[in-house]
Amino acid sequence: MVYVPTTPAEAPTIPVWTLTEELRVNRLNTSAFIAADPLSLTLQVRGSVRTPSGAYSRERQSERPPQVFKLIMQSPAGGSIEQRTEDGTERQVDFILLGEWDAEIEVGDYWDDEAGQRWEVVALVPRNGYETRAVVEAHGKDLTGG
């Protein structure tokens, strides 16, 4: 039989946190989660550049300062979208890039890893004050990570 308290006096005391305390604890938890499997990155920033034909192309313009993130694969089975190319099969896999609450990152930022894979930020999850989350896509032949 399970006992259920029937009066407030019988219920356990639950600490009441202020929003500031909760935010501080969530930031500490995020930092610890990232530190368990960190990924140091220097994100490349793209911007619109006008071409001679009058169109615009997205080209690398600068680098963001080095930052530490955690890369989290979104498919437990490691699923990917495959596309046949002239030189084989290219795969695309979605990940979440988790950063500290004040991470500098925007849609279009990217990095290339040692294996020649390109990782691109395709969306930002709305900020919550204790972490920064971005959806990233990996493109390459033999995808690893997360």
N, C-alpha and C. Protein backbone atom coordinates (compact mmCIF):
# COMPACT_ATOMS: atom_id res chain seq x y z
N MET A 1 0.83 -1.17 0.00
CA MET A 1 0.00 0.00 0.00
C MET A 1 0.89 1.24 0.00
N VAL A 2 0.50 2.27 -0.79
CA VAL A 2 1.25 3.52 -0.89
C VAL A 2 0.57 4.56 -0.02
N TYR A 3 1.39 5.25 0.80
CA TYR A 3 0.85 6.30 1.66
C TYR A 3 0.82 7.62 0.90
N VAL A 4 -0.30 8.30 0.91
CA VAL A 4 -0.43 9.60 0.26
C VAL A 4 -0.77 10.63 1.34
N PRO A 5 0.07 11.69 1.49
CA PRO A 5 -0.23 12.70 2.50
C PRO A 5 -1.60 13.35 2.23
N THR A 6 -2.33 13.62 3.29
CA THR A 6 -3.67 14.21 3.14
C THR A 6 -3.73 15.65 3.61
N THR A 7 -2.69 16.11 4.32
CA THR A 7 -2.66 17.50 4.77
C THR A 7 -1.31 18.10 4.42
N PRO A 8 -1.24 19.43 4.31
CA PRO A 8 0.06 20.07 4.02
C PRO A 8 1.13 19.74 5.05
N ALA A 9 0.75 19.56 6.30
CA ALA A 9 1.73 19.25 7.34
C ALA A 9 2.38 17.89 7.13
N GLU A 10 1.67 16.97 6.49
CA GLU A 10 2.21 15.62 6.25
C GLU A 10 3.09 15.55 5.00
N ALA A 11 2.96 16.52 4.11
CA ALA A 11 3.71 16.52 2.86
C ALA A 11 5.17 16.90 3.12
N PRO A 12 6.09 16.36 2.35
CA PRO A 12 7.50 16.74 2.52
C PRO A 12 7.70 18.20 2.14
N THR A 13 8.69 18.81 2.75
CA THR A 13 9.01 20.20 2.45
C THR A 13 9.81 20.25 1.15
N ILE A 14 9.31 21.01 0.20
CA ILE A 14 9.98 21.17 -1.10
C ILE A 14 10.56 22.57 -1.15
N PRO A 15 11.87 22.69 -1.41
CA PRO A 15 12.45 24.04 -1.45
C PRO A 15 11.84 24.85 -2.59
N VAL A 16 11.60 26.11 -2.33
CA VAL A 16 11.07 27.02 -3.34
C VAL A 16 12.24 27.86 -3.85
N TRP A 17 12.51 27.75 -5.12
CA TRP A 17 13.62 28.48 -5.72
C TRP A 17 13.10 29.72 -6.41
N THR A 18 13.94 30.72 -6.45
CA THR A 18 13.61 31.88 -7.26
C THR A 18 14.05 31.57 -8.68
N LEU A 19 13.56 32.32 -9.62
CA LEU A 19 13.94 32.12 -11.02
C LEU A 19 15.44 32.27 -11.19
N THR A 20 16.05 33.19 -10.48
CA THR A 20 17.49 33.40 -10.57
C THR A 20 18.25 32.16 -10.12
N GLU A 21 17.83 31.53 -9.04
CA GLU A 21 18.49 30.32 -8.55
C GLU A 21 18.30 29.17 -9.53
N GLU A 22 17.10 29.04 -10.07
CA GLU A 22 16.83 27.97 -11.03
C GLU A 22 17.69 28.15 -12.28
N LEU A 23 17.79 29.37 -12.76
CA LEU A 23 18.60 29.66 -13.94
C LEU A 23 20.07 29.32 -13.67
N ARG A 24 20.57 29.68 -12.48
CA ARG A 24 21.96 29.39 -12.12
C ARG A 24 22.20 27.89 -12.10
N VAL A 25 21.29 27.12 -11.52
CA VAL A 25 21.44 25.66 -11.46
C VAL A 25 21.38 25.07 -12.87
N ASN A 26 20.45 25.53 -13.70
CA ASN A 26 20.36 25.01 -15.07
C ASN A 26 21.62 25.33 -15.87
N ARG A 27 22.20 26.52 -15.68
CA ARG A 27 23.45 26.85 -16.37
C ARG A 27 24.59 25.95 -15.91
N LEU A 28 24.65 25.66 -14.61
CA LEU A 28 25.69 24.75 -14.10
C LEU A 28 25.51 23.35 -14.67
N ASN A 29 24.27 22.87 -14.73
CA ASN A 29 24.02 21.54 -15.30
C ASN A 29 24.39 21.49 -16.78
N THR A 30 24.08 22.55 -17.52
CA THR A 30 24.44 22.60 -18.94
C THR A 30 25.96 22.56 -19.09
N SER A 31 26.67 23.35 -18.28
CA SER A 31 28.14 23.36 -18.35
C SER A 31 28.72 21.98 -18.05
N ALA A 32 28.17 21.30 -17.05
CA ALA A 32 28.66 19.97 -16.71
C ALA A 32 28.38 18.97 -17.83
N PHE A 33 27.20 19.06 -18.44
CA PHE A 33 26.84 18.16 -19.53
C PHE A 33 27.77 18.36 -20.72
N ILE A 34 28.08 19.60 -21.06
CA ILE A 34 28.99 19.90 -22.17
C ILE A 34 30.40 19.40 -21.83
N ALA A 35 30.84 19.62 -20.60
CA ALA A 35 32.20 19.24 -20.18
C ALA A 35 32.42 17.73 -20.23
N ALA A 36 31.36 16.94 -20.17
CA ALA A 36 31.50 15.48 -20.22
C ALA A 36 31.93 14.99 -21.60
N ASP A 37 31.67 15.76 -22.65
CA ASP A 37 32.03 15.37 -24.02
C ASP A 37 32.18 16.64 -24.86
N PRO A 38 33.21 17.46 -24.57
CA PRO A 38 33.32 18.77 -25.21
C PRO A 38 33.83 18.70 -26.65
N LEU A 39 33.41 19.68 -27.42
CA LEU A 39 33.87 19.85 -28.80
C LEU A 39 34.24 21.31 -28.98
N SER A 40 35.52 21.59 -29.16
CA SER A 40 35.99 22.96 -29.36
C SER A 40 35.87 23.33 -30.83
N LEU A 41 35.20 24.45 -31.10
CA LEU A 41 34.97 24.86 -32.49
C LEU A 41 35.27 26.33 -32.70
N THR A 42 35.71 26.65 -33.90
CA THR A 42 35.77 28.02 -34.38
C THR A 42 34.82 28.08 -35.55
N LEU A 43 33.63 28.62 -35.30
CA LEU A 43 32.60 28.66 -36.34
C LEU A 43 32.94 29.70 -37.40
N GLN A 44 32.68 29.35 -38.64
CA GLN A 44 32.87 30.25 -39.77
C GLN A 44 31.55 30.98 -40.03
N VAL A 45 31.62 32.27 -40.25
CA VAL A 45 30.43 33.10 -40.46
C VAL A 45 30.26 33.37 -41.95
N ARG A 46 29.04 33.16 -42.44
CA ARG A 46 28.73 33.45 -43.83
C ARG A 46 27.93 34.73 -43.93
N GLY A 47 28.11 35.41 -45.05
CA GLY A 47 27.32 36.59 -45.32
C GLY A 47 26.98 36.65 -46.80
N SER A 48 26.01 37.49 -47.13
CA SER A 48 25.60 37.64 -48.54
C SER A 48 26.57 38.54 -49.28
N VAL A 49 27.01 38.06 -50.43
CA VAL A 49 27.93 38.82 -51.28
C VAL A 49 27.30 38.92 -52.67
N ARG A 50 27.25 40.13 -53.21
CA ARG A 50 26.67 40.33 -54.53
C ARG A 50 27.63 39.86 -55.61
N THR A 51 27.13 39.07 -56.55
CA THR A 51 27.96 38.55 -57.63
C THR A 51 27.90 39.51 -58.82
N PRO A 52 28.81 39.37 -59.79
CA PRO A 52 28.79 40.25 -60.97
C PRO A 52 27.45 40.21 -61.73
N SER A 53 26.72 39.10 -61.64
CA SER A 53 25.45 38.99 -62.35
C SER A 53 24.31 39.70 -61.62
N GLY A 54 24.58 40.18 -60.39
CA GLY A 54 23.55 40.86 -59.63
C GLY A 54 22.88 39.97 -58.60
N ALA A 55 23.19 38.69 -58.63
CA ALA A 55 22.62 37.76 -57.64
C ALA A 55 23.44 37.84 -56.36
N TYR A 56 23.03 37.08 -55.37
CA TYR A 56 23.77 37.02 -54.11
C TYR A 56 24.21 35.59 -53.85
N SER A 57 25.39 35.46 -53.26
CA SER A 57 25.84 34.14 -52.82
C SER A 57 26.26 34.26 -51.36
N ARG A 58 26.20 33.14 -50.65
CA ARG A 58 26.58 33.11 -49.23
C ARG A 58 28.03 32.65 -49.16
N GLU A 59 28.90 33.54 -48.70
CA GLU A 59 30.33 33.23 -48.65
C GLU A 59 30.88 33.48 -47.25
N ARG A 60 31.98 32.78 -46.95
CA ARG A 60 32.64 32.95 -45.66
C ARG A 60 33.12 34.39 -45.53
N GLN A 61 32.83 35.01 -44.38
CA GLN A 61 33.25 36.38 -44.17
C GLN A 61 34.18 36.54 -42.97
N SER A 62 34.00 35.74 -41.94
CA SER A 62 34.83 35.88 -40.75
C SER A 62 34.73 34.62 -39.90
N GLU A 63 35.42 34.66 -38.76
CA GLU A 63 35.35 33.56 -37.80
C GLU A 63 34.82 34.10 -36.48
N ARG A 64 34.08 33.26 -35.78
CA ARG A 64 33.68 33.59 -34.41
C ARG A 64 34.82 33.17 -33.48
N PRO A 65 34.86 33.71 -32.27
CA PRO A 65 35.89 33.26 -31.32
C PRO A 65 35.72 31.77 -31.02
N PRO A 66 36.80 31.06 -30.68
CA PRO A 66 36.68 29.64 -30.33
C PRO A 66 35.69 29.45 -29.16
N GLN A 67 34.87 28.40 -29.25
CA GLN A 67 33.87 28.11 -28.22
C GLN A 67 33.82 26.59 -28.01
N VAL A 68 33.24 26.19 -26.88
CA VAL A 68 33.12 24.77 -26.56
C VAL A 68 31.64 24.40 -26.59
N PHE A 69 31.33 23.31 -27.30
CA PHE A 69 29.97 22.82 -27.47
C PHE A 69 29.93 21.33 -27.15
N LYS A 70 28.74 20.76 -27.25
CA LYS A 70 28.54 19.32 -27.22
C LYS A 70 27.69 18.98 -28.43
N LEU A 71 28.09 17.97 -29.18
CA LEU A 71 27.38 17.54 -30.37
C LEU A 71 26.52 16.32 -30.03
N ILE A 72 25.21 16.42 -30.31
CA ILE A 72 24.28 15.36 -29.91
C ILE A 72 23.53 14.87 -31.14
N MET A 73 23.72 13.59 -31.49
CA MET A 73 22.99 13.02 -32.63
C MET A 73 21.51 12.92 -32.27
N GLN A 74 20.65 13.23 -33.23
CA GLN A 74 19.21 13.24 -32.96
C GLN A 74 18.53 11.92 -33.26
N SER A 75 19.15 11.06 -34.02
CA SER A 75 18.55 9.76 -34.32
C SER A 75 19.28 8.68 -33.54
N PRO A 76 18.57 7.97 -32.65
CA PRO A 76 19.26 6.94 -31.87
C PRO A 76 19.85 5.83 -32.73
N ALA A 77 19.30 5.66 -33.92
CA ALA A 77 19.81 4.62 -34.82
C ALA A 77 20.86 5.18 -35.78
N GLY A 78 21.15 6.48 -35.67
CA GLY A 78 22.13 7.09 -36.56
C GLY A 78 21.62 7.21 -37.98
N GLY A 79 20.33 7.40 -38.14
CA GLY A 79 19.72 7.49 -39.46
C GLY A 79 20.24 8.68 -40.25
N SER A 80 20.24 8.54 -41.56
CA SER A 80 20.72 9.61 -42.41
C SER A 80 19.94 9.62 -43.73
N ILE A 81 20.02 10.76 -44.40
CA ILE A 81 19.48 10.88 -45.75
C ILE A 81 20.65 10.64 -46.69
N GLU A 82 20.49 9.73 -47.62
CA GLU A 82 21.58 9.41 -48.54
C GLU A 82 21.28 9.97 -49.92
N GLN A 83 22.33 10.48 -50.56
CA GLN A 83 22.21 11.02 -51.91
C GLN A 83 23.37 10.48 -52.73
N ARG A 84 23.06 9.92 -53.88
CA ARG A 84 24.09 9.41 -54.78
C ARG A 84 24.74 10.58 -55.53
N THR A 85 26.06 10.58 -55.56
CA THR A 85 26.81 11.60 -56.27
C THR A 85 27.74 10.92 -57.26
N GLU A 86 28.42 11.71 -58.07
CA GLU A 86 29.34 11.14 -59.06
C GLU A 86 30.43 10.29 -58.43
N ASP A 87 30.89 10.69 -57.25
CA ASP A 87 31.98 9.96 -56.62
C ASP A 87 31.53 9.12 -55.43
N GLY A 88 30.27 8.70 -55.42
CA GLY A 88 29.81 7.80 -54.36
C GLY A 88 28.52 8.28 -53.72
N THR A 89 28.37 7.99 -52.45
CA THR A 89 27.17 8.34 -51.70
C THR A 89 27.50 9.41 -50.67
N GLU A 90 26.70 10.46 -50.62
CA GLU A 90 26.85 11.48 -49.59
C GLU A 90 25.70 11.32 -48.61
N ARG A 91 26.02 11.44 -47.34
CA ARG A 91 25.00 11.30 -46.30
C ARG A 91 24.79 12.63 -45.58
N GLN A 92 23.55 12.85 -45.12
CA GLN A 92 23.21 14.03 -44.33
C GLN A 92 22.58 13.54 -43.03
N VAL A 93 23.11 13.98 -41.90
CA VAL A 93 22.60 13.58 -40.59
C VAL A 93 22.37 14.84 -39.76
N ASP A 94 21.25 14.87 -39.00
CA ASP A 94 20.95 16.02 -38.15
C ASP A 94 21.45 15.79 -36.73
N PHE A 95 21.98 16.86 -36.14
CA PHE A 95 22.49 16.87 -34.79
C PHE A 95 22.00 18.13 -34.08
N ILE A 96 22.11 18.13 -32.76
CA ILE A 96 21.95 19.35 -31.97
C ILE A 96 23.34 19.76 -31.50
N LEU A 97 23.66 21.02 -31.67
CA LEU A 97 24.90 21.57 -31.14
C LEU A 97 24.51 22.36 -29.90
N LEU A 98 24.95 21.89 -28.73
CA LEU A 98 24.58 22.49 -27.46
C LEU A 98 25.72 23.36 -26.95
N GLY A 99 25.40 24.61 -26.65
CA GLY A 99 26.40 25.53 -26.13
C GLY A 99 25.95 26.20 -24.85
N GLU A 100 26.86 26.94 -24.25
CA GLU A 100 26.52 27.72 -23.05
C GLU A 100 25.43 28.73 -23.40
N TRP A 101 24.81 29.30 -22.40
CA TRP A 101 23.69 30.22 -22.59
C TRP A 101 24.07 31.44 -23.44
N ASP A 102 25.34 31.82 -23.42
CA ASP A 102 25.77 33.03 -24.14
C ASP A 102 26.59 32.72 -25.39
N ALA A 103 26.46 31.50 -25.92
CA ALA A 103 27.23 31.11 -27.11
C ALA A 103 26.88 32.01 -28.30
N GLU A 104 27.89 32.30 -29.11
CA GLU A 104 27.69 33.09 -30.33
C GLU A 104 27.55 32.13 -31.50
N ILE A 105 26.34 32.08 -32.08
CA ILE A 105 26.07 31.16 -33.18
C ILE A 105 24.85 31.67 -33.94
N GLU A 106 24.86 31.52 -35.25
CA GLU A 106 23.74 31.96 -36.09
C GLU A 106 23.52 30.94 -37.21
N VAL A 107 22.32 30.95 -37.76
CA VAL A 107 22.01 30.12 -38.92
C VAL A 107 22.98 30.47 -40.04
N GLY A 108 23.53 29.47 -40.68
CA GLY A 108 24.49 29.67 -41.75
C GLY A 108 25.93 29.48 -41.30
N ASP A 109 26.19 29.58 -39.98
CA ASP A 109 27.54 29.30 -39.49
C ASP A 109 27.89 27.85 -39.82
N TYR A 110 29.17 27.56 -39.96
CA TYR A 110 29.59 26.20 -40.30
C TYR A 110 31.01 25.95 -39.83
N TRP A 111 31.40 24.68 -39.86
CA TRP A 111 32.78 24.28 -39.67
C TRP A 111 33.03 23.02 -40.47
N ASP A 112 34.29 22.81 -40.82
CA ASP A 112 34.73 21.60 -41.51
C ASP A 112 35.59 20.81 -40.54
N ASP A 113 35.33 19.51 -40.40
CA ASP A 113 36.14 18.70 -39.48
C ASP A 113 37.34 18.10 -40.19
N GLU A 114 38.14 17.37 -39.42
CA GLU A 114 39.38 16.77 -39.96
C GLU A 114 39.12 15.75 -41.05
N ALA A 115 37.93 15.15 -41.06
CA ALA A 115 37.58 14.13 -42.05
C ALA A 115 37.02 14.74 -43.34
N GLY A 116 36.93 16.07 -43.40
CA GLY A 116 36.41 16.73 -44.59
C GLY A 116 34.89 16.87 -44.60
N GLN A 117 34.25 16.58 -43.48
CA GLN A 117 32.80 16.75 -43.39
C GLN A 117 32.48 18.21 -43.12
N ARG A 118 31.44 18.70 -43.73
CA ARG A 118 30.96 20.06 -43.45
C ARG A 118 29.76 19.97 -42.53
N TRP A 119 29.78 20.76 -41.47
CA TRP A 119 28.72 20.85 -40.49
C TRP A 119 28.13 22.26 -40.58
N GLU A 120 26.82 22.36 -40.79
CA GLU A 120 26.20 23.67 -40.99
C GLU A 120 25.02 23.87 -40.06
N VAL A 121 24.94 25.06 -39.46
CA VAL A 121 23.82 25.43 -38.61
C VAL A 121 22.64 25.76 -39.51
N VAL A 122 21.54 25.01 -39.36
CA VAL A 122 20.37 25.22 -40.20
C VAL A 122 19.19 25.84 -39.45
N ALA A 123 19.24 25.81 -38.11
CA ALA A 123 18.16 26.41 -37.32
C ALA A 123 18.65 26.63 -35.89
N LEU A 124 18.04 27.60 -35.22
CA LEU A 124 18.31 27.84 -33.81
C LEU A 124 17.05 27.53 -33.01
N VAL A 125 17.22 26.85 -31.91
CA VAL A 125 16.11 26.59 -30.99
C VAL A 125 15.95 27.87 -30.15
N PRO A 126 14.72 28.33 -29.90
CA PRO A 126 14.56 29.56 -29.11
C PRO A 126 15.34 29.49 -27.79
N ARG A 127 15.97 30.60 -27.44
CA ARG A 127 16.81 30.65 -26.24
C ARG A 127 15.97 30.57 -24.98
N ASN A 128 16.53 29.91 -23.95
CA ASN A 128 15.82 29.75 -22.69
C ASN A 128 16.57 30.35 -21.51
N GLY A 129 17.74 30.95 -21.76
CA GLY A 129 18.48 31.60 -20.69
C GLY A 129 19.54 30.74 -20.03
N TYR A 130 19.53 29.43 -20.27
CA TYR A 130 20.56 28.59 -19.65
C TYR A 130 21.33 27.72 -20.63
N GLU A 131 20.95 27.71 -21.90
CA GLU A 131 21.68 26.95 -22.92
C GLU A 131 21.37 27.55 -24.28
N THR A 132 22.23 27.27 -25.23
CA THR A 132 22.00 27.65 -26.62
C THR A 132 21.99 26.36 -27.43
N ARG A 133 20.93 26.15 -28.21
CA ARG A 133 20.83 24.94 -29.02
C ARG A 133 20.64 25.32 -30.47
N ALA A 134 21.38 24.63 -31.32
CA ALA A 134 21.28 24.84 -32.77
C ALA A 134 21.13 23.48 -33.44
N VAL A 135 20.32 23.45 -34.49
CA VAL A 135 20.21 22.24 -35.31
C VAL A 135 21.30 22.34 -36.36
N VAL A 136 22.13 21.31 -36.45
CA VAL A 136 23.20 21.29 -37.45
C VAL A 136 23.05 20.06 -38.32
N GLU A 137 23.45 20.21 -39.57
CA GLU A 137 23.47 19.09 -40.51
C GLU A 137 24.91 18.78 -40.85
N ALA A 138 25.21 17.51 -40.89
CA ALA A 138 26.53 17.05 -41.32
C ALA A 138 26.39 16.52 -42.74
N HIS A 139 27.32 16.88 -43.59
CA HIS A 139 27.34 16.40 -44.96
C HIS A 139 28.70 15.76 -45.22
N GLY A 140 28.69 14.55 -45.75
CA GLY A 140 29.95 13.89 -46.06
C GLY A 140 29.74 12.44 -46.42
N LYS A 141 30.85 11.77 -46.66
CA LYS A 141 30.82 10.37 -47.08
C LYS A 141 30.70 9.41 -45.89
N ASP A 142 31.55 9.58 -44.89
CA ASP A 142 31.57 8.69 -43.73
C ASP A 142 31.36 9.54 -42.48
N LEU A 143 30.09 9.77 -42.15
CA LEU A 143 29.77 10.67 -41.05
C LEU A 143 30.04 10.02 -39.70
N THR A 144 30.67 10.80 -38.84
CA THR A 144 30.91 10.38 -37.47
C THR A 144 30.61 11.57 -36.56
N GLY A 145 30.45 11.30 -35.29
CA GLY A 145 30.22 12.37 -34.32
C GLY A 145 28.94 12.16 -33.57
N GLY A 146 28.79 12.95 -32.48
CA GLY A 146 27.57 12.92 -31.69
C GLY A 146 27.56 11.76 -30.76
